PDB file of all heavy atoms in Angstrom:
ATOM      1  N   PHE A   1     -17.921  -6.081  33.079  1.00  0.00           N
ATOM      2  CA  PHE A   1     -17.195  -4.965  33.657  1.00  0.00           C
ATOM      3  C   PHE A   1     -15.963  -5.418  34.428  1.00  0.00           C
ATOM      4  O   PHE A   1     -14.892  -4.851  34.254  1.00  0.00           O
ATOM      5  CB  PHE A   1     -18.139  -4.228  34.612  1.00  0.00           C
ATOM      6  CG  PHE A   1     -17.514  -3.058  35.331  1.00  0.00           C
ATOM      7  CD1 PHE A   1     -17.354  -1.837  34.696  1.00  0.00           C
ATOM      8  CD2 PHE A   1     -17.020  -3.164  36.639  1.00  0.00           C
ATOM      9  CE1 PHE A   1     -16.754  -0.750  35.333  1.00  0.00           C
ATOM     10  CE2 PHE A   1     -16.452  -2.101  37.309  1.00  0.00           C
ATOM     11  CZ  PHE A   1     -16.303  -0.918  36.632  1.00  0.00           C
ATOM     12  N   ASP A   2     -16.098  -6.408  35.287  1.00  0.00           N
ATOM     13  CA  ASP A   2     -14.914  -6.861  36.131  1.00  0.00           C
ATOM     14  C   ASP A   2     -13.754  -7.334  35.255  1.00  0.00           C
ATOM     15  O   ASP A   2     -12.598  -7.049  35.591  1.00  0.00           O
ATOM     16  CB  ASP A   2     -15.369  -7.987  37.033  1.00  0.00           C
ATOM     17  CG  ASP A   2     -16.263  -7.440  38.202  1.00  0.00           C
ATOM     18  OD1 ASP A   2     -16.172  -6.250  38.528  1.00  0.00           O
ATOM     19  OD2 ASP A   2     -17.041  -8.233  38.736  1.00  0.00           O
ATOM     20  N   LYS A   3     -14.050  -7.986  34.164  1.00  0.00           N
ATOM     21  CA  LYS A   3     -12.967  -8.470  33.295  1.00  0.00           C
ATOM     22  C   LYS A   3     -12.255  -7.317  32.562  1.00  0.00           C
ATOM     23  O   LYS A   3     -11.062  -7.343  32.382  1.00  0.00           O
ATOM     24  CB  LYS A   3     -13.531  -9.483  32.279  1.00  0.00           C
ATOM     25  CG  LYS A   3     -13.891 -10.838  32.941  1.00  0.00           C
ATOM     26  CD  LYS A   3     -14.241 -11.866  31.912  1.00  0.00           C
ATOM     27  CE  LYS A   3     -14.574 -13.198  32.584  1.00  0.00           C
ATOM     28  NZ  LYS A   3     -14.906 -14.284  31.613  1.00  0.00           N
ATOM     29  N   VAL A   4     -13.028  -6.334  32.193  1.00  0.00           N
ATOM     30  CA  VAL A   4     -12.383  -5.178  31.572  1.00  0.00           C
ATOM     31  C   VAL A   4     -11.525  -4.399  32.526  1.00  0.00           C
ATOM     32  O   VAL A   4     -10.424  -3.998  32.261  1.00  0.00           O
ATOM     33  CB  VAL A   4     -13.457  -4.252  30.934  1.00  0.00           C
ATOM     34  CG1 VAL A   4     -12.798  -3.044  30.308  1.00  0.00           C
ATOM     35  CG2 VAL A   4     -14.285  -4.987  29.914  1.00  0.00           C
ATOM     36  N   MET A   5     -12.010  -4.292  33.765  1.00  0.00           N
ATOM     37  CA  MET A   5     -11.208  -3.582  34.796  1.00  0.00           C
ATOM     38  C   MET A   5      -9.925  -4.426  35.095  1.00  0.00           C
ATOM     39  O   MET A   5      -8.881  -3.820  35.351  1.00  0.00           O
ATOM     40  CB  MET A   5     -12.018  -3.406  36.015  1.00  0.00           C
ATOM     41  CG  MET A   5     -13.215  -2.373  35.867  1.00  0.00           C
ATOM     42  SD  MET A   5     -12.612  -0.725  35.466  1.00  0.00           S
ATOM     43  CE  MET A   5     -11.884  -0.234  37.024  1.00  0.00           C
ATOM     44  N   ALA A   6     -10.061  -5.702  35.109  1.00  0.00           N
ATOM     45  CA  ALA A   6      -8.895  -6.564  35.339  1.00  0.00           C
ATOM     46  C   ALA A   6      -7.890  -6.344  34.189  1.00  0.00           C
ATOM     47  O   ALA A   6      -6.639  -6.323  34.443  1.00  0.00           O
ATOM     48  CB  ALA A   6      -9.274  -8.042  35.410  1.00  0.00           C
ATOM     49  N   ALA A   7      -8.389  -6.218  32.980  1.00  0.00           N
ATOM     50  CA  ALA A   7      -7.462  -5.950  31.846  1.00  0.00           C
ATOM     51  C   ALA A   7      -6.718  -4.637  32.032  1.00  0.00           C
ATOM     52  O   ALA A   7      -5.528  -4.532  31.732  1.00  0.00           O
ATOM     53  CB  ALA A   7      -8.251  -5.980  30.553  1.00  0.00           C
ATOM     54  N   ALA A   8      -7.449  -3.630  32.517  1.00  0.00           N
ATOM     55  CA  ALA A   8      -6.801  -2.312  32.713  1.00  0.00           C
ATOM     56  C   ALA A   8      -5.708  -2.458  33.748  1.00  0.00           C
ATOM     57  O   ALA A   8      -4.637  -1.819  33.629  1.00  0.00           O
ATOM     58  CB  ALA A   8      -7.855  -1.292  33.132  1.00  0.00           C
ATOM     59  N   THR A   9      -5.964  -3.223  34.811  1.00  0.00           N
ATOM     60  CA  THR A   9      -4.925  -3.439  35.847  1.00  0.00           C
ATOM     61  C   THR A   9      -3.705  -4.118  35.270  1.00  0.00           C
ATOM     62  O   THR A   9      -2.554  -3.749  35.554  1.00  0.00           O
ATOM     63  CB  THR A   9      -5.531  -4.286  36.964  1.00  0.00           C
ATOM     64  OG1 THR A   9      -6.634  -3.603  37.539  1.00  0.00           O
ATOM     65  CG2 THR A   9      -4.449  -4.537  38.038  1.00  0.00           C
ATOM     66  N   VAL A  10      -3.919  -5.136  34.423  1.00  0.00           N
ATOM     67  CA  VAL A  10      -2.789  -5.868  33.790  1.00  0.00           C
ATOM     68  C   VAL A  10      -2.007  -4.903  32.933  1.00  0.00           C
ATOM     69  O   VAL A  10      -0.741  -4.914  32.971  1.00  0.00           O
ATOM     70  CB  VAL A  10      -3.328  -7.064  32.965  1.00  0.00           C
ATOM     71  CG1 VAL A  10      -2.246  -7.590  32.065  1.00  0.00           C
ATOM     72  CG2 VAL A  10      -3.863  -8.141  33.858  1.00  0.00           C
ATOM     73  N   LEU A  11      -2.627  -4.090  32.135  1.00  0.00           N
ATOM     74  CA  LEU A  11      -1.943  -3.158  31.252  1.00  0.00           C
ATOM     75  C   LEU A  11      -1.135  -2.133  32.049  1.00  0.00           C
ATOM     76  O   LEU A  11       0.009  -1.824  31.774  1.00  0.00           O
ATOM     77  CB  LEU A  11      -2.939  -2.463  30.342  1.00  0.00           C
ATOM     78  CG  LEU A  11      -3.644  -3.335  29.293  1.00  0.00           C
ATOM     79  CD1 LEU A  11      -4.735  -2.527  28.584  1.00  0.00           C
ATOM     80  CD2 LEU A  11      -2.625  -3.873  28.296  1.00  0.00           C
ATOM     81  N   ARG A  12      -1.800  -1.574  33.084  1.00  0.00           N
ATOM     82  CA  ARG A  12      -1.058  -0.598  33.911  1.00  0.00           C
ATOM     83  C   ARG A  12       0.157  -1.215  34.628  1.00  0.00           C
ATOM     84  O   ARG A  12       1.233  -0.581  34.678  1.00  0.00           O
ATOM     85  CB  ARG A  12      -2.011  -0.031  34.993  1.00  0.00           C
ATOM     86  CG  ARG A  12      -2.878   1.166  34.511  1.00  0.00           C
ATOM     87  CD  ARG A  12      -3.451   1.914  35.648  1.00  0.00           C
ATOM     88  NE  ARG A  12      -4.308   1.034  36.468  1.00  0.00           N
ATOM     89  CZ  ARG A  12      -5.622   1.057  36.368  1.00  0.00           C
ATOM     90  NH1 ARG A  12      -6.271   1.889  35.524  1.00  0.00           N
ATOM     91  NH2 ARG A  12      -6.347   0.295  37.155  1.00  0.00           N
ATOM     92  N   LYS A  13       0.010  -2.397  35.130  1.00  0.00           N
ATOM     93  CA  LYS A  13       1.083  -3.062  35.837  1.00  0.00           C
ATOM     94  C   LYS A  13       2.285  -3.276  34.903  1.00  0.00           C
ATOM     95  O   LYS A  13       3.440  -3.162  35.306  1.00  0.00           O
ATOM     96  CB  LYS A  13       0.640  -4.405  36.388  1.00  0.00           C
ATOM     97  CG  LYS A  13       1.655  -5.127  37.229  1.00  0.00           C
ATOM     98  CD  LYS A  13       1.080  -6.405  37.826  1.00  0.00           C
ATOM     99  CE  LYS A  13       2.125  -7.138  38.647  1.00  0.00           C
ATOM    100  NZ  LYS A  13       1.567  -8.392  39.236  1.00  0.00           N
ATOM    101  N   ALA A  14       2.031  -3.581  33.632  1.00  0.00           N
ATOM    102  CA  ALA A  14       3.087  -3.823  32.659  1.00  0.00           C
ATOM    103  C   ALA A  14       3.600  -2.552  32.018  1.00  0.00           C
ATOM    104  O   ALA A  14       4.526  -2.577  31.207  1.00  0.00           O
ATOM    105  CB  ALA A  14       2.559  -4.777  31.571  1.00  0.00           C
ATOM    106  N   GLY A  15       2.929  -1.435  32.266  1.00  0.00           N
ATOM    107  CA  GLY A  15       3.397  -0.155  31.701  1.00  0.00           C
ATOM    108  C   GLY A  15       2.973   0.001  30.219  1.00  0.00           C
ATOM    109  O   GLY A  15       3.663   0.698  29.483  1.00  0.00           O
ATOM    110  N   VAL A  16       1.879  -0.625  29.863  1.00  0.00           N
ATOM    111  CA  VAL A  16       1.348  -0.555  28.504  1.00  0.00           C
ATOM    112  C   VAL A  16       0.441   0.683  28.390  1.00  0.00           C
ATOM    113  O   VAL A  16      -0.594   0.726  29.098  1.00  0.00           O
ATOM    114  CB  VAL A  16       0.612  -1.801  28.088  1.00  0.00           C
ATOM    115  CG1 VAL A  16       0.052  -1.678  26.629  1.00  0.00           C
ATOM    116  CG2 VAL A  16       1.518  -3.025  28.181  1.00  0.00           C
ATOM    117  N   PRO A  17       0.714   1.648  27.530  1.00  0.00           N
ATOM    118  CA  PRO A  17      -0.176   2.783  27.422  1.00  0.00           C
ATOM    119  C   PRO A  17      -1.474   2.362  26.803  1.00  0.00           C
ATOM    120  O   PRO A  17      -1.524   1.571  25.865  1.00  0.00           O
ATOM    121  CB  PRO A  17       0.601   3.743  26.505  1.00  0.00           C
ATOM    122  CG  PRO A  17       1.498   2.881  25.701  1.00  0.00           C
ATOM    123  CD  PRO A  17       1.878   1.722  26.621  1.00  0.00           C
ATOM    124  N   PHE A  18      -2.598   2.864  27.343  1.00  0.00           N
ATOM    125  CA  PHE A  18      -3.860   2.561  26.708  1.00  0.00           C
ATOM    126  C   PHE A  18      -4.814   3.757  26.774  1.00  0.00           C
ATOM    127  O   PHE A  18      -4.793   4.551  27.707  1.00  0.00           O
ATOM    128  CB  PHE A  18      -4.536   1.360  27.371  1.00  0.00           C
ATOM    129  CG  PHE A  18      -4.975   1.483  28.800  1.00  0.00           C
ATOM    130  CD1 PHE A  18      -6.289   1.881  29.105  1.00  0.00           C
ATOM    131  CD2 PHE A  18      -4.121   1.214  29.848  1.00  0.00           C
ATOM    132  CE1 PHE A  18      -6.708   2.010  30.376  1.00  0.00           C
ATOM    133  CE2 PHE A  18      -4.516   1.357  31.159  1.00  0.00           C
ATOM    134  CZ  PHE A  18      -5.816   1.748  31.450  1.00  0.00           C
ATOM    135  N   ASN A  19      -5.608   3.855  25.726  1.00  0.00           N
ATOM    136  CA  ASN A  19      -6.648   4.850  25.643  1.00  0.00           C
ATOM    137  C   ASN A  19      -7.951   4.169  25.999  1.00  0.00           C
ATOM    138  O   ASN A  19      -8.063   2.940  26.051  1.00  0.00           O
ATOM    139  CB  ASN A  19      -6.807   5.422  24.253  1.00  0.00           C
ATOM    140  CG  ASN A  19      -5.520   6.052  23.703  1.00  0.00           C
ATOM    141  OD1 ASN A  19      -4.698   6.521  24.488  1.00  0.00           O
ATOM    142  ND2 ASN A  19      -5.356   6.043  22.430  1.00  0.00           N
ATOM    143  N   THR A  20      -8.980   4.988  26.298  1.00  0.00           N
ATOM    144  CA  THR A  20     -10.306   4.377  26.500  1.00  0.00           C
ATOM    145  C   THR A  20     -11.256   4.844  25.385  1.00  0.00           C
ATOM    146  O   THR A  20     -11.183   5.958  24.946  1.00  0.00           O
ATOM    147  CB  THR A  20     -10.892   4.811  27.857  1.00  0.00           C
ATOM    148  OG1 THR A  20     -10.883   6.236  27.992  1.00  0.00           O
ATOM    149  CG2 THR A  20     -10.106   4.199  29.013  1.00  0.00           C
ATOM    150  N   LEU A  21     -12.040   3.893  24.967  1.00  0.00           N
ATOM    151  CA  LEU A  21     -13.101   4.198  23.970  1.00  0.00           C
ATOM    152  C   LEU A  21     -14.483   3.902  24.629  1.00  0.00           C
ATOM    153  O   LEU A  21     -14.736   2.755  25.057  1.00  0.00           O
ATOM    154  CB  LEU A  21     -12.894   3.335  22.724  1.00  0.00           C
ATOM    155  CG  LEU A  21     -13.844   3.662  21.524  1.00  0.00           C
ATOM    156  CD1 LEU A  21     -13.153   3.311  20.207  1.00  0.00           C
ATOM    157  CD2 LEU A  21     -15.161   2.876  21.617  1.00  0.00           C
ATOM    158  N   THR A  22     -15.303   4.924  24.664  1.00  0.00           N
ATOM    159  CA  THR A  22     -16.592   4.830  25.294  1.00  0.00           C
ATOM    160  C   THR A  22     -17.664   5.080  24.245  1.00  0.00           C
ATOM    161  O   THR A  22     -17.694   6.140  23.607  1.00  0.00           O
ATOM    162  CB  THR A  22     -16.691   5.827  26.447  1.00  0.00           C
ATOM    163  OG1 THR A  22     -15.763   5.477  27.420  1.00  0.00           O
ATOM    164  CG2 THR A  22     -18.135   5.751  27.043  1.00  0.00           C
ATOM    165  N   CYS A  23     -18.564   4.119  24.050  1.00  0.00           N
ATOM    166  CA  CYS A  23     -19.721   4.295  23.168  1.00  0.00           C
ATOM    167  C   CYS A  23     -20.804   5.057  23.951  1.00  0.00           C
ATOM    168  O   CYS A  23     -21.155   4.622  25.068  1.00  0.00           O
ATOM    169  CB  CYS A  23     -20.228   2.948  22.681  1.00  0.00           C
ATOM    170  SG  CYS A  23     -19.092   2.064  21.585  1.00  0.00           S
ATOM    171  N   VAL A  24     -21.285   6.137  23.362  1.00  0.00           N
ATOM    172  CA  VAL A  24     -22.298   6.933  24.030  1.00  0.00           C
ATOM    173  C   VAL A  24     -23.653   6.489  23.456  1.00  0.00           C
ATOM    174  O   VAL A  24     -23.950   6.760  22.301  1.00  0.00           O
ATOM    175  CB  VAL A  24     -22.053   8.436  23.832  1.00  0.00           C
ATOM    176  CG1 VAL A  24     -23.088   9.285  24.586  1.00  0.00           C
ATOM    177  CG2 VAL A  24     -20.654   8.797  24.266  1.00  0.00           C
ATOM    178  N   HIS A  25     -24.469   5.835  24.266  1.00  0.00           N
ATOM    179  CA  HIS A  25     -25.735   5.365  23.851  1.00  0.00           C
ATOM    180  C   HIS A  25     -26.874   6.054  24.592  1.00  0.00           C
ATOM    181  O   HIS A  25     -26.616   7.060  25.333  1.00  0.00           O
ATOM    182  CB  HIS A  25     -25.799   3.815  23.995  1.00  0.00           C
ATOM    183  CG  HIS A  25     -25.434   3.320  25.340  1.00  0.00           C
ATOM    184  ND1 HIS A  25     -26.181   3.516  26.496  1.00  0.00           N
ATOM    185  CD2 HIS A  25     -24.319   2.662  25.761  1.00  0.00           C
ATOM    186  CE1 HIS A  25     -25.594   2.963  27.495  1.00  0.00           C
ATOM    187  NE2 HIS A  25     -24.430   2.448  27.145  1.00  0.00           N
ATOM    188  N   ARG A  26     -28.084   5.593  24.395  1.00  0.00           N
ATOM    189  CA  ARG A  26     -29.214   6.272  24.902  1.00  0.00           C
ATOM    190  C   ARG A  26     -29.211   6.420  26.433  1.00  0.00           C
ATOM    191  O   ARG A  26     -29.741   7.397  26.976  1.00  0.00           O
ATOM    192  CB  ARG A  26     -30.470   5.547  24.460  1.00  0.00           C
ATOM    193  CG  ARG A  26     -31.787   6.169  24.880  1.00  0.00           C
ATOM    194  CD  ARG A  26     -32.934   5.374  24.323  1.00  0.00           C
ATOM    195  NE  ARG A  26     -34.211   5.768  24.906  1.00  0.00           N
ATOM    196  CZ  ARG A  26     -35.341   5.083  24.764  1.00  0.00           C
ATOM    197  NH1 ARG A  26     -35.343   3.996  24.024  1.00  0.00           N
ATOM    198  NH2 ARG A  26     -36.446   5.516  25.327  1.00  0.00           N
ATOM    199  N   PHE A  27     -28.553   5.489  27.119  1.00  0.00           N
ATOM    200  CA  PHE A  27     -28.657   5.507  28.585  1.00  0.00           C
ATOM    201  C   PHE A  27     -27.431   6.167  29.244  1.00  0.00           C
ATOM    202  O   PHE A  27     -27.619   7.000  30.190  1.00  0.00           O
ATOM    203  CB  PHE A  27     -28.834   4.064  29.098  1.00  0.00           C
ATOM    204  CG  PHE A  27     -30.167   3.497  28.646  1.00  0.00           C
ATOM    205  CD1 PHE A  27     -30.265   2.726  27.523  1.00  0.00           C
ATOM    206  CD2 PHE A  27     -31.356   3.823  29.346  1.00  0.00           C
ATOM    207  CE1 PHE A  27     -31.512   2.221  27.100  1.00  0.00           C
ATOM    208  CE2 PHE A  27     -32.549   3.370  28.924  1.00  0.00           C
ATOM    209  CZ  PHE A  27     -32.621   2.549  27.744  1.00  0.00           C
ATOM    210  N   ASN A  28     -26.243   5.869  28.837  1.00  0.00           N
ATOM    211  CA  ASN A  28     -25.124   6.536  29.541  1.00  0.00           C
ATOM    212  C   ASN A  28     -24.991   8.005  29.140  1.00  0.00           C
ATOM    213  O   ASN A  28     -24.344   8.777  29.827  1.00  0.00           O
ATOM    214  CB  ASN A  28     -23.795   5.802  29.333  1.00  0.00           C
ATOM    215  CG  ASN A  28     -23.316   5.755  27.945  1.00  0.00           C
ATOM    216  OD1 ASN A  28     -23.973   6.211  26.975  1.00  0.00           O
ATOM    217  ND2 ASN A  28     -22.155   5.114  27.695  1.00  0.00           N
ATOM    218  N   ALA A  29     -25.663   8.411  28.043  1.00  0.00           N
ATOM    219  CA  ALA A  29     -25.698   9.818  27.677  1.00  0.00           C
ATOM    220  C   ALA A  29     -26.375  10.657  28.738  1.00  0.00           C
ATOM    221  O   ALA A  29     -26.153  11.897  28.792  1.00  0.00           O
ATOM    222  CB  ALA A  29     -26.394  10.029  26.319  1.00  0.00           C
ATOM    223  N   GLU A  30     -27.194  10.038  29.560  1.00  0.00           N
ATOM    224  CA  GLU A  30     -27.882  10.778  30.647  1.00  0.00           C
ATOM    225  C   GLU A  30     -26.980  11.077  31.804  1.00  0.00           C
ATOM    226  O   GLU A  30     -27.326  11.881  32.696  1.00  0.00           O
ATOM    227  CB  GLU A  30     -29.132   9.969  31.118  1.00  0.00           C
ATOM    228  CG  GLU A  30     -30.139   9.634  30.075  1.00  0.00           C
ATOM    229  CD  GLU A  30     -30.874  10.893  29.574  1.00  0.00           C
ATOM    230  OE1 GLU A  30     -30.941  11.842  30.388  1.00  0.00           O
ATOM    231  OE2 GLU A  30     -31.378  10.951  28.478  1.00  0.00           O
ATOM    232  N   ARG A  31     -25.801  10.484  31.862  1.00  0.00           N
ATOM    233  CA  ARG A  31     -24.939  10.627  33.035  1.00  0.00           C
ATOM    234  C   ARG A  31     -23.492  10.996  32.594  1.00  0.00           C
ATOM    235  O   ARG A  31     -22.538  10.247  32.829  1.00  0.00           O
ATOM    236  CB  ARG A  31     -24.942   9.359  33.840  1.00  0.00           C
ATOM    237  CG  ARG A  31     -26.350   9.050  34.476  1.00  0.00           C
ATOM    238  CD  ARG A  31     -26.400   7.693  35.079  1.00  0.00           C
ATOM    239  NE  ARG A  31     -25.372   7.478  36.054  1.00  0.00           N
ATOM    240  CZ  ARG A  31     -25.189   6.293  36.697  1.00  0.00           C
ATOM    241  NH1 ARG A  31     -25.988   5.257  36.468  1.00  0.00           N
ATOM    242  NH2 ARG A  31     -24.209   6.151  37.579  1.00  0.00           N
ATOM    243  N   PRO A  32     -23.323  12.126  31.943  1.00  0.00           N
ATOM    244  CA  PRO A  32     -22.044  12.461  31.393  1.00  0.00           C
ATOM    245  C   PRO A  32     -20.923  12.592  32.414  1.00  0.00           C
ATOM    246  O   PRO A  32     -19.795  12.117  32.183  1.00  0.00           O
ATOM    247  CB  PRO A  32     -22.295  13.831  30.684  1.00  0.00           C
ATOM    248  CG  PRO A  32     -23.552  14.331  31.333  1.00  0.00           C
ATOM    249  CD  PRO A  32     -24.354  13.144  31.656  1.00  0.00           C
ATOM    250  N   LEU A  33     -21.201  13.229  33.577  1.00  0.00           N
ATOM    251  CA  LEU A  33     -20.136  13.394  34.563  1.00  0.00           C
ATOM    252  C   LEU A  33     -19.795  12.119  35.249  1.00  0.00           C
ATOM    253  O   LEU A  33     -18.624  11.908  35.571  1.00  0.00           O
ATOM    254  CB  LEU A  33     -20.549  14.458  35.591  1.00  0.00           C
ATOM    255  CG  LEU A  33     -20.738  15.901  34.964  1.00  0.00           C
ATOM    256  CD1 LEU A  33     -21.012  16.886  36.122  1.00  0.00           C
ATOM    257  CD2 LEU A  33     -19.507  16.294  34.195  1.00  0.00           C
ATOM    258  N   ASP A  34     -20.774  11.259  35.456  1.00  0.00           N
ATOM    259  CA  ASP A  34     -20.475   9.935  36.018  1.00  0.00           C
ATOM    260  C   ASP A  34     -19.510   9.170  35.075  1.00  0.00           C
ATOM    261  O   ASP A  34     -18.568   8.532  35.573  1.00  0.00           O
ATOM    262  CB  ASP A  34     -21.723   9.140  36.230  1.00  0.00           C
ATOM    263  CG  ASP A  34     -22.597   9.649  37.348  1.00  0.00           C
ATOM    264  OD1 ASP A  34     -22.036  10.409  38.218  1.00  0.00           O
ATOM    265  OD2 ASP A  34     -23.765   9.362  37.451  1.00  0.00           O
TER     266      ASP A  34
END
């Protein structure tokens, strides 16, 4: 998690547009709003 968040920070700082891709599995499907 921390490395992915660091990557997001690097991209934002450089002005690189990025989308997010989230895999919905058995466990995070229980917490949609989170």
